[in-house]
Protein backbone atom coordinates (compact mmCIF):
# COMPACT_ATOMS: atom_id res chain seq x y z
CA MET A 1 -27.31 -34.58 -7.12
CA GLU A 2 -28.33 -33.80 -3.52
CA GLN A 3 -27.78 -37.42 -2.51
CA TYR A 4 -24.00 -36.94 -2.85
CA TYR A 5 -23.75 -33.93 -0.52
CA GLN A 6 -23.12 -35.70 2.81
CA GLY A 7 -20.62 -38.10 1.23
CA LEU A 8 -18.78 -35.21 -0.41
CA VAL A 9 -18.62 -33.23 2.84
CA GLY A 10 -17.29 -36.31 4.65
CA TYR A 11 -14.72 -36.92 1.92
CA LEU A 12 -13.57 -33.30 1.98
CA THR A 13 -13.50 -33.19 5.79
CA ALA A 14 -11.11 -36.13 5.82
CA ARG A 15 -8.86 -34.36 3.30
CA LEU A 16 -9.08 -30.81 4.64
CA ARG A 17 -9.40 -31.69 8.34
CA ASP A 18 -11.94 -28.89 8.72
CA ARG A 19 -15.67 -29.63 8.47
CA ASN A 20 -16.68 -25.99 7.91
CA MET A 21 -14.18 -25.55 5.11
CA ALA A 22 -15.30 -28.87 3.64
CA ALA A 23 -18.93 -27.72 3.66
CA ASP A 24 -17.94 -24.45 1.97
CA VAL A 25 -16.00 -26.29 -0.74
CA ALA A 26 -18.85 -28.77 -1.24
CA HIS A 27 -21.29 -25.87 -1.60
CA ASP A 28 -19.04 -24.12 -4.14
CA ALA A 29 -18.60 -27.39 -6.05
CA TYR A 30 -22.38 -27.89 -6.20
CA LEU A 31 -22.83 -24.37 -7.56
CA LYS A 32 -20.21 -24.91 -10.25
CA VAL A 33 -21.66 -28.27 -11.28
CA LEU A 34 -25.24 -27.04 -11.32
CA GLU A 35 -24.23 -24.03 -13.43
CA SER A 36 -22.28 -26.21 -15.84
CA PRO A 37 -23.76 -26.51 -19.33
CA ARG A 38 -22.53 -30.13 -19.38
CA LEU A 39 -24.69 -31.14 -16.39
CA ASN A 40 -27.47 -32.80 -18.39
CA GLY A 41 -25.06 -34.85 -20.49
CA LEU A 42 -22.92 -36.18 -17.65
CA GLU A 43 -22.52 -39.94 -17.54
CA TYR A 44 -20.95 -39.86 -14.05
CA PRO A 45 -22.27 -36.81 -12.18
CA LYS A 46 -20.82 -37.93 -8.83
CA ALA A 47 -17.30 -38.18 -10.29
CA PHE A 48 -17.71 -34.76 -11.92
CA LEU A 49 -18.87 -33.28 -8.61
CA TYR A 50 -15.95 -34.79 -6.67
CA ARG A 51 -13.48 -33.69 -9.31
CA THR A 52 -14.85 -30.16 -9.20
CA ALA A 53 -14.53 -30.12 -5.41
CA ILE A 54 -10.96 -31.39 -5.54
CA ASN A 55 -10.09 -28.79 -8.17
CA LEU A 56 -11.45 -26.11 -5.85
CA CYS A 57 -9.30 -27.49 -3.01
CA VAL A 58 -6.19 -27.53 -5.21
CA ASP A 59 -6.88 -23.95 -6.34
CA ALA A 60 -7.30 -22.84 -2.72
CA PHE A 61 -4.12 -24.68 -1.73
CA ARG A 62 -2.16 -22.98 -4.51
CA ARG A 63 -3.48 -19.56 -3.49
CA ASN A 64 -2.62 -20.32 0.12
CA VAL A 65 0.90 -21.51 -0.78
CA VAL A 66 1.55 -18.35 -2.79
CA ARG A 67 0.12 -16.18 -0.03
CA HIS A 68 2.10 -17.88 2.73
CA SER A 69 5.32 -18.82 0.94
CA GLU A 70 7.52 -16.10 2.41
CA PRO A 71 6.44 -16.51 6.06
CA LEU A 72 6.76 -20.29 5.72
CA ASN A 73 10.34 -19.94 4.50
CA ASP A 74 11.04 -17.58 7.41
CA LEU A 75 9.49 -20.05 9.82
CA ILE A 76 11.58 -22.92 8.46
CA ALA A 77 14.75 -20.82 8.68
CA GLU A 78 13.94 -19.87 12.30
CA GLU A 79 12.98 -23.40 13.27
CA CYS A 80 16.07 -25.19 11.92
CA PRO A 81 19.00 -22.76 11.98
CA ARG A 82 21.52 -25.37 13.15
CA ARG A 83 20.35 -28.30 11.07
CA GLN A 84 21.16 -26.86 7.67
CA SER A 85 23.81 -24.63 6.28
CA PRO A 86 22.71 -21.64 4.19
CA GLN A 87 24.06 -23.42 1.09
CA ALA A 88 21.94 -26.51 1.81
CA SER A 89 18.85 -24.36 2.36
CA LEU A 90 19.49 -22.47 -0.87
CA TYR A 91 19.96 -25.75 -2.74
CA GLU A 92 16.63 -27.09 -1.41
CA LEU A 93 14.81 -23.89 -2.38
CA GLN A 94 16.33 -23.96 -5.87
CA ARG A 95 15.42 -27.61 -6.25
CA ALA A 96 11.83 -26.90 -5.16
CA GLU A 97 11.63 -24.13 -7.76
CA MET A 98 12.88 -26.56 -10.40
CA VAL A 99 10.17 -29.05 -9.44
CA MET A 100 7.54 -26.29 -9.72
CA VAL A 101 8.82 -25.40 -13.21
CA ALA A 102 8.69 -29.08 -14.20
CA LEU A 103 5.15 -29.43 -12.83
CA ASP A 104 4.03 -26.40 -14.82
CA GLU A 105 5.22 -28.15 -18.00
CA LEU A 106 2.87 -31.11 -17.44
CA SER A 107 -0.59 -31.45 -18.93
CA ASP A 108 -3.42 -30.39 -16.62
CA LYS A 109 -4.60 -33.96 -15.99
CA CYS A 110 -1.10 -35.25 -15.36
CA ARG A 111 -0.32 -32.44 -12.90
CA GLU A 112 -3.69 -32.82 -11.17
CA ALA A 113 -3.27 -36.56 -10.64
CA PHE A 114 0.25 -36.06 -9.31
CA LEU A 115 -0.76 -33.27 -6.92
CA LEU A 116 -3.79 -35.17 -5.66
CA ARG A 117 -1.52 -38.11 -4.86
CA LYS A 118 1.43 -36.22 -3.41
CA LEU A 119 -0.28 -33.26 -1.74
CA GLU A 120 -3.71 -34.62 -0.88
CA GLY A 121 -2.61 -38.19 -0.22
CA LEU A 122 -5.46 -39.68 -2.24
CA CYS A 123 -5.18 -43.27 -3.41
CA HIS A 124 -5.37 -44.09 -7.11
CA GLU A 125 -8.99 -45.21 -6.88
CA GLN A 126 -10.03 -41.94 -5.24
CA ILE A 127 -8.14 -39.91 -7.83
CA ALA A 128 -9.73 -41.90 -10.65
CA ALA A 129 -13.21 -41.27 -9.25
CA ALA A 130 -12.53 -37.58 -8.66
CA MET A 131 -11.05 -37.02 -12.12
CA GLY A 132 -13.49 -39.27 -13.95
CA ILE A 133 -10.72 -41.39 -15.48
CA SER A 134 -9.57 -44.98 -15.06
CA LYS A 135 -7.20 -46.14 -12.34
CA ALA A 136 -4.72 -47.13 -15.06
CA SER A 137 -4.80 -43.58 -16.42
CA VAL A 138 -4.14 -42.21 -12.94
CA GLU A 139 -1.15 -44.53 -12.56
CA LYS A 140 0.14 -43.51 -15.98
CA HIS A 141 -0.21 -39.81 -15.18
CA ILE A 142 1.59 -40.13 -11.84
CA VAL A 143 4.45 -42.17 -13.29
CA ASN A 144 4.81 -39.73 -16.19
CA ALA A 145 4.83 -36.77 -13.81
CA MET A 146 7.50 -38.37 -11.62
CA LYS A 147 9.68 -39.22 -14.61
CA HIS A 148 9.26 -35.76 -16.11
CA CYS A 149 10.13 -34.01 -12.84
CA ARG A 150 13.16 -36.22 -12.27
CA VAL A 151 14.49 -35.65 -15.81
CA ARG A 152 13.76 -31.91 -15.87
CA VAL A 153 15.33 -31.27 -12.45
CA PHE A 154 18.42 -33.20 -13.53
CA GLU A 155 18.60 -31.18 -16.77
CA MET A 156 18.18 -27.89 -14.93
CA GLU A 157 20.86 -28.85 -12.40
CA GLN A 158 23.25 -29.77 -15.22
CA HIS A 159 22.53 -26.48 -16.99
CA SER A 160 23.08 -24.56 -13.76
CA ALA A 161 26.38 -26.39 -13.11
CA ARG A 162 27.62 -25.62 -16.64
CA ALA A 163 26.65 -21.96 -16.25
CA LYS A 164 28.72 -21.68 -13.07
CA ARG A 165 31.90 -22.90 -14.79
């Protein structure tokens, strides 16, 4: 397993843009993988290691988003007061909340593939390697996530419009 360490740190550094953070995540991923009861039966240990590291990054990102959501909204409001009306800003926030609800309704793998593509900017091959699934499965998950979000946001907007009448 040690032979993957430098590659993993390089991979994470490119994604996180911080070598120290990448090394910390790689270290945590190694600990999780080495403590895993499935370690001896893994067919693709490198893919499992990368997937674990990406999961740790996604978890940290989610914690960071929750922790910084209010100041970020304040920053956006201060930065663009003339570009958007309060109604447009409210609409965008409501729409973002609808997307979050829709994402929470997805299966874990579907949501993970979608977030790795849209938030991390990984290509389908990288996502497939990280998740230990085929490229076709990644494509299927991303398409399904996009369709689901589009349909659910539309449904929620329709419901909201009917409620206002």
